[in-house]
Structures are given as C-alpha cells and as structure tokens.
Amino acid sequence: MLAELSPLEVTGLVVSLVGLIPVVTQYRSETKLFTAGYVLLVVGMLATNLETFALEPVLNMVEHGIGIGLAGVAFLAAAYVRRKEVITAGE
C-alpha cells in the first residue's frame, strides 16, 4: 500500500509541510491572501498523496480544483492587492 506512493509526491508533501511553518509563524493580516494560497497548495499536495489510497476521482478534483486552481486565484489576488498598496504608497 505505501509502496504505491510516488517518492516525488511524498517529497513534495514534506517540503510543503516544512514550508508551511514559516508561513504560519510569520502570519500578518497583510499576508492573509498569500497564506491562504500556500495553505491551498498544501491541501493539494495532501490530496495528491491521499488519492493513492482512496477516492481517487474526488481527491484528484481537490488536487487540481483547490490545490492548484484556487491557490492560483489566491496568489493572483495577493499580488493585485500588494501592487495596489505599493502604487498607492508611491503617490
């Protein structure tokens, strides 16, 4: 059962979980969209590894729809808000 796991996907999950530590510990209200995007990426990596064991179609949808799609939207929003703040501060 564990032999079915992809080493690359397990490594991605471990790296994303380790990366979650500074994201969460250095959280500020200004970084909430970035934090949300990163957490969604971690959810996607978790779904990637869990789909090996059960609910493959559902977890595949979670991986791509939430883990990639919504994370991209969250990062886009974070970049937009940050750029708007920088432009407003420069005026």
C-alpha atoms as a PDB file:
ATOM      1  CA  MET A   1       0.000   0.000   0.000  1.00  0.00           C
ATOM      2  CA  LEU A   2       2.706   2.507   0.930  1.00  0.00           C
ATOM      3  CA  ALA A   3       4.780   1.207  -1.975  1.00  0.00           C
ATOM      4  CA  GLU A   4       2.235   2.770  -4.328  1.00  0.00           C
ATOM      5  CA  LEU A   5       3.187   6.267  -3.178  1.00  0.00           C
ATOM      6  CA  SER A   6       5.334   8.257  -5.557  1.00  0.00           C
ATOM      7  CA  PRO A   7       8.617   9.374  -3.934  1.00  0.00           C
ATOM      8  CA  LEU A   8       8.369  12.690  -5.789  1.00  0.00           C
ATOM      9  CA  GLU A   9       4.849  13.356  -4.468  1.00  0.00           C
ATOM     10  CA  VAL A  10       5.811  12.395  -0.899  1.00  0.00           C
ATOM     11  CA  THR A  11       8.838  14.684  -1.114  1.00  0.00           C
ATOM     12  CA  GLY A  12       6.598  17.497  -2.370  1.00  0.00           C
ATOM     13  CA  LEU A  13       4.262  16.986   0.578  1.00  0.00           C
ATOM     14  CA  VAL A  14       7.121  17.009   3.100  1.00  0.00           C
ATOM     15  CA  VAL A  15       8.646  20.153   1.573  1.00  0.00           C
ATOM     16  CA  SER A  16       5.276  21.920   1.509  1.00  0.00           C
ATOM     17  CA  LEU A  17       4.588  20.992   5.146  1.00  0.00           C
ATOM     18  CA  VAL A  18       8.024  22.233   6.241  1.00  0.00           C
ATOM     19  CA  GLY A  19       7.460  25.424   4.240  1.00  0.00           C
ATOM     20  CA  LEU A  20       4.144  25.897   5.999  1.00  0.00           C
ATOM     21  CA  ILE A  21       5.956  26.504   9.310  1.00  0.00           C
ATOM     22  CA  PRO A  22       7.407  29.949   8.453  1.00  0.00           C
ATOM     23  CA  VAL A  23       4.267  30.903   6.529  1.00  0.00           C
ATOM     24  CA  VAL A  24       2.104  30.288   9.604  1.00  0.00           C
ATOM     25  CA  THR A  25       4.545  31.591  12.237  1.00  0.00           C
ATOM     26  CA  GLN A  26       5.152  34.840  10.336  1.00  0.00           C
ATOM     27  CA  TYR A  27       1.478  35.410   9.517  1.00  0.00           C
ATOM     28  CA  ARG A  28       0.280  39.017   9.470  1.00  0.00           C
ATOM     29  CA  SER A  29      -3.027  40.428   8.331  1.00  0.00           C
ATOM     30  CA  GLU A  30      -1.240  41.882   5.283  1.00  0.00           C
ATOM     31  CA  THR A  31      -0.185  38.392   4.177  1.00  0.00           C
ATOM     32  CA  LYS A  32      -3.529  36.622   4.603  1.00  0.00           C
ATOM     33  CA  LEU A  33      -4.045  36.038   0.861  1.00  0.00           C
ATOM     34  CA  PHE A  34      -0.524  34.667   0.434  1.00  0.00           C
ATOM     35  CA  THR A  35      -1.059  32.415   3.455  1.00  0.00           C
ATOM     36  CA  ALA A  36      -4.377  31.212   2.044  1.00  0.00           C
ATOM     37  CA  GLY A  37      -2.733  30.419  -1.297  1.00  0.00           C
ATOM     38  CA  TYR A  38       0.057  28.471   0.349  1.00  0.00           C
ATOM     39  CA  VAL A  39      -2.350  26.515   2.557  1.00  0.00           C
ATOM     40  CA  LEU A  40      -4.372  25.631  -0.555  1.00  0.00           C
ATOM     41  CA  LEU A  41      -1.193  24.338  -2.202  1.00  0.00           C
ATOM     42  CA  VAL A  42      -0.557  22.153   0.852  1.00  0.00           C
ATOM     43  CA  VAL A  43      -4.141  20.847   0.634  1.00  0.00           C
ATOM     44  CA  GLY A  44      -3.456  19.962  -2.993  1.00  0.00           C
ATOM     45  CA  MET A  45      -0.262  18.110  -2.107  1.00  0.00           C
ATOM     46  CA  LEU A  46      -2.068  16.231   0.653  1.00  0.00           C
ATOM     47  CA  ALA A  47      -4.842  15.257  -1.775  1.00  0.00           C
ATOM     48  CA  THR A  48      -2.221  14.118  -4.295  1.00  0.00           C
ATOM     49  CA  ASN A  49      -0.811  11.645  -1.801  1.00  0.00           C
ATOM     50  CA  LEU A  50      -4.148  10.518  -0.366  1.00  0.00           C
ATOM     51  CA  GLU A  51      -5.646   9.729  -3.773  1.00  0.00           C
ATOM     52  CA  THR A  52      -3.316   6.723  -3.913  1.00  0.00           C
ATOM     53  CA  PHE A  53      -5.366   5.111  -1.143  1.00  0.00           C
ATOM     54  CA  ALA A  54      -8.998   6.104  -1.717  1.00  0.00           C
ATOM     55  CA  LEU A  55     -11.462   8.363  -3.503  1.00  0.00           C
ATOM     56  CA  GLU A  56      -9.157   8.972  -6.457  1.00  0.00           C
ATOM     57  CA  PRO A  57     -11.650  10.978  -8.591  1.00  0.00           C
ATOM     58  CA  VAL A  58     -12.699  13.191  -5.679  1.00  0.00           C
ATOM     59  CA  LEU A  59      -9.183  13.806  -4.404  1.00  0.00           C
ATOM     60  CA  ASN A  60      -7.954  14.429  -7.948  1.00  0.00           C
ATOM     61  CA  MET A  61     -10.605  17.159  -8.223  1.00  0.00           C
ATOM     62  CA  VAL A  62      -9.480  18.569  -4.858  1.00  0.00           C
ATOM     63  CA  GLU A  63      -5.851  18.492  -6.010  1.00  0.00           C
ATOM     64  CA  HIS A  64      -6.491  20.350  -9.242  1.00  0.00           C
ATOM     65  CA  GLY A  65      -9.513  22.474  -8.382  1.00  0.00           C
ATOM     66  CA  ILE A  66      -8.497  23.599  -4.920  1.00  0.00           C
ATOM     67  CA  GLY A  67      -4.794  22.844  -4.685  1.00  0.00           C
ATOM     68  CA  ILE A  68      -3.898  24.442  -7.991  1.00  0.00           C
ATOM     69  CA  GLY A  69      -6.903  26.462  -9.184  1.00  0.00           C
ATOM     70  CA  LEU A  70      -7.955  28.279  -6.037  1.00  0.00           C
ATOM     71  CA  ALA A  71      -4.346  28.651  -4.906  1.00  0.00           C
ATOM     72  CA  GLY A  72      -3.612  30.439  -8.180  1.00  0.00           C
ATOM     73  CA  VAL A  73      -6.590  32.753  -7.658  1.00  0.00           C
ATOM     74  CA  ALA A  74      -5.441  33.485  -4.088  1.00  0.00           C
ATOM     75  CA  PHE A  75      -1.893  34.291  -5.246  1.00  0.00           C
ATOM     76  CA  LEU A  76      -3.287  36.470  -8.053  1.00  0.00           C
ATOM     77  CA  ALA A  77      -5.392  38.380  -5.528  1.00  0.00           C
ATOM     78  CA  ALA A  78      -2.411  38.713  -3.168  1.00  0.00           C
ATOM     79  CA  ALA A  79      -0.253  40.134  -5.964  1.00  0.00           C
ATOM     80  CA  TYR A  80      -3.018  42.514  -7.063  1.00  0.00           C
ATOM     81  CA  VAL A  81      -3.608  43.829  -3.540  1.00  0.00           C
ATOM     82  CA  ARG A  82       0.126  44.228  -2.880  1.00  0.00           C
ATOM     83  CA  ARG A  83       0.700  46.053  -6.175  1.00  0.00           C
ATOM     84  CA  LYS A  84      -2.223  48.359  -5.424  1.00  0.00           C
ATOM     85  CA  GLU A  85      -0.738  49.141  -1.981  1.00  0.00           C
ATOM     86  CA  VAL A  86       2.686  49.904  -3.482  1.00  0.00           C
ATOM     87  CA  ILE A  87       1.218  52.190  -6.142  1.00  0.00           C
ATOM     88  CA  THR A  88      -0.964  53.988  -3.596  1.00  0.00           C
ATOM     89  CA  ALA A  89       2.005  54.461  -1.240  1.00  0.00           C
ATOM     90  CA  GLY A  90       4.084  55.933  -4.072  1.00  0.00           C
ATOM     91  CA  GLU A  91       1.565  58.663  -4.857  1.00  0.00           C
END
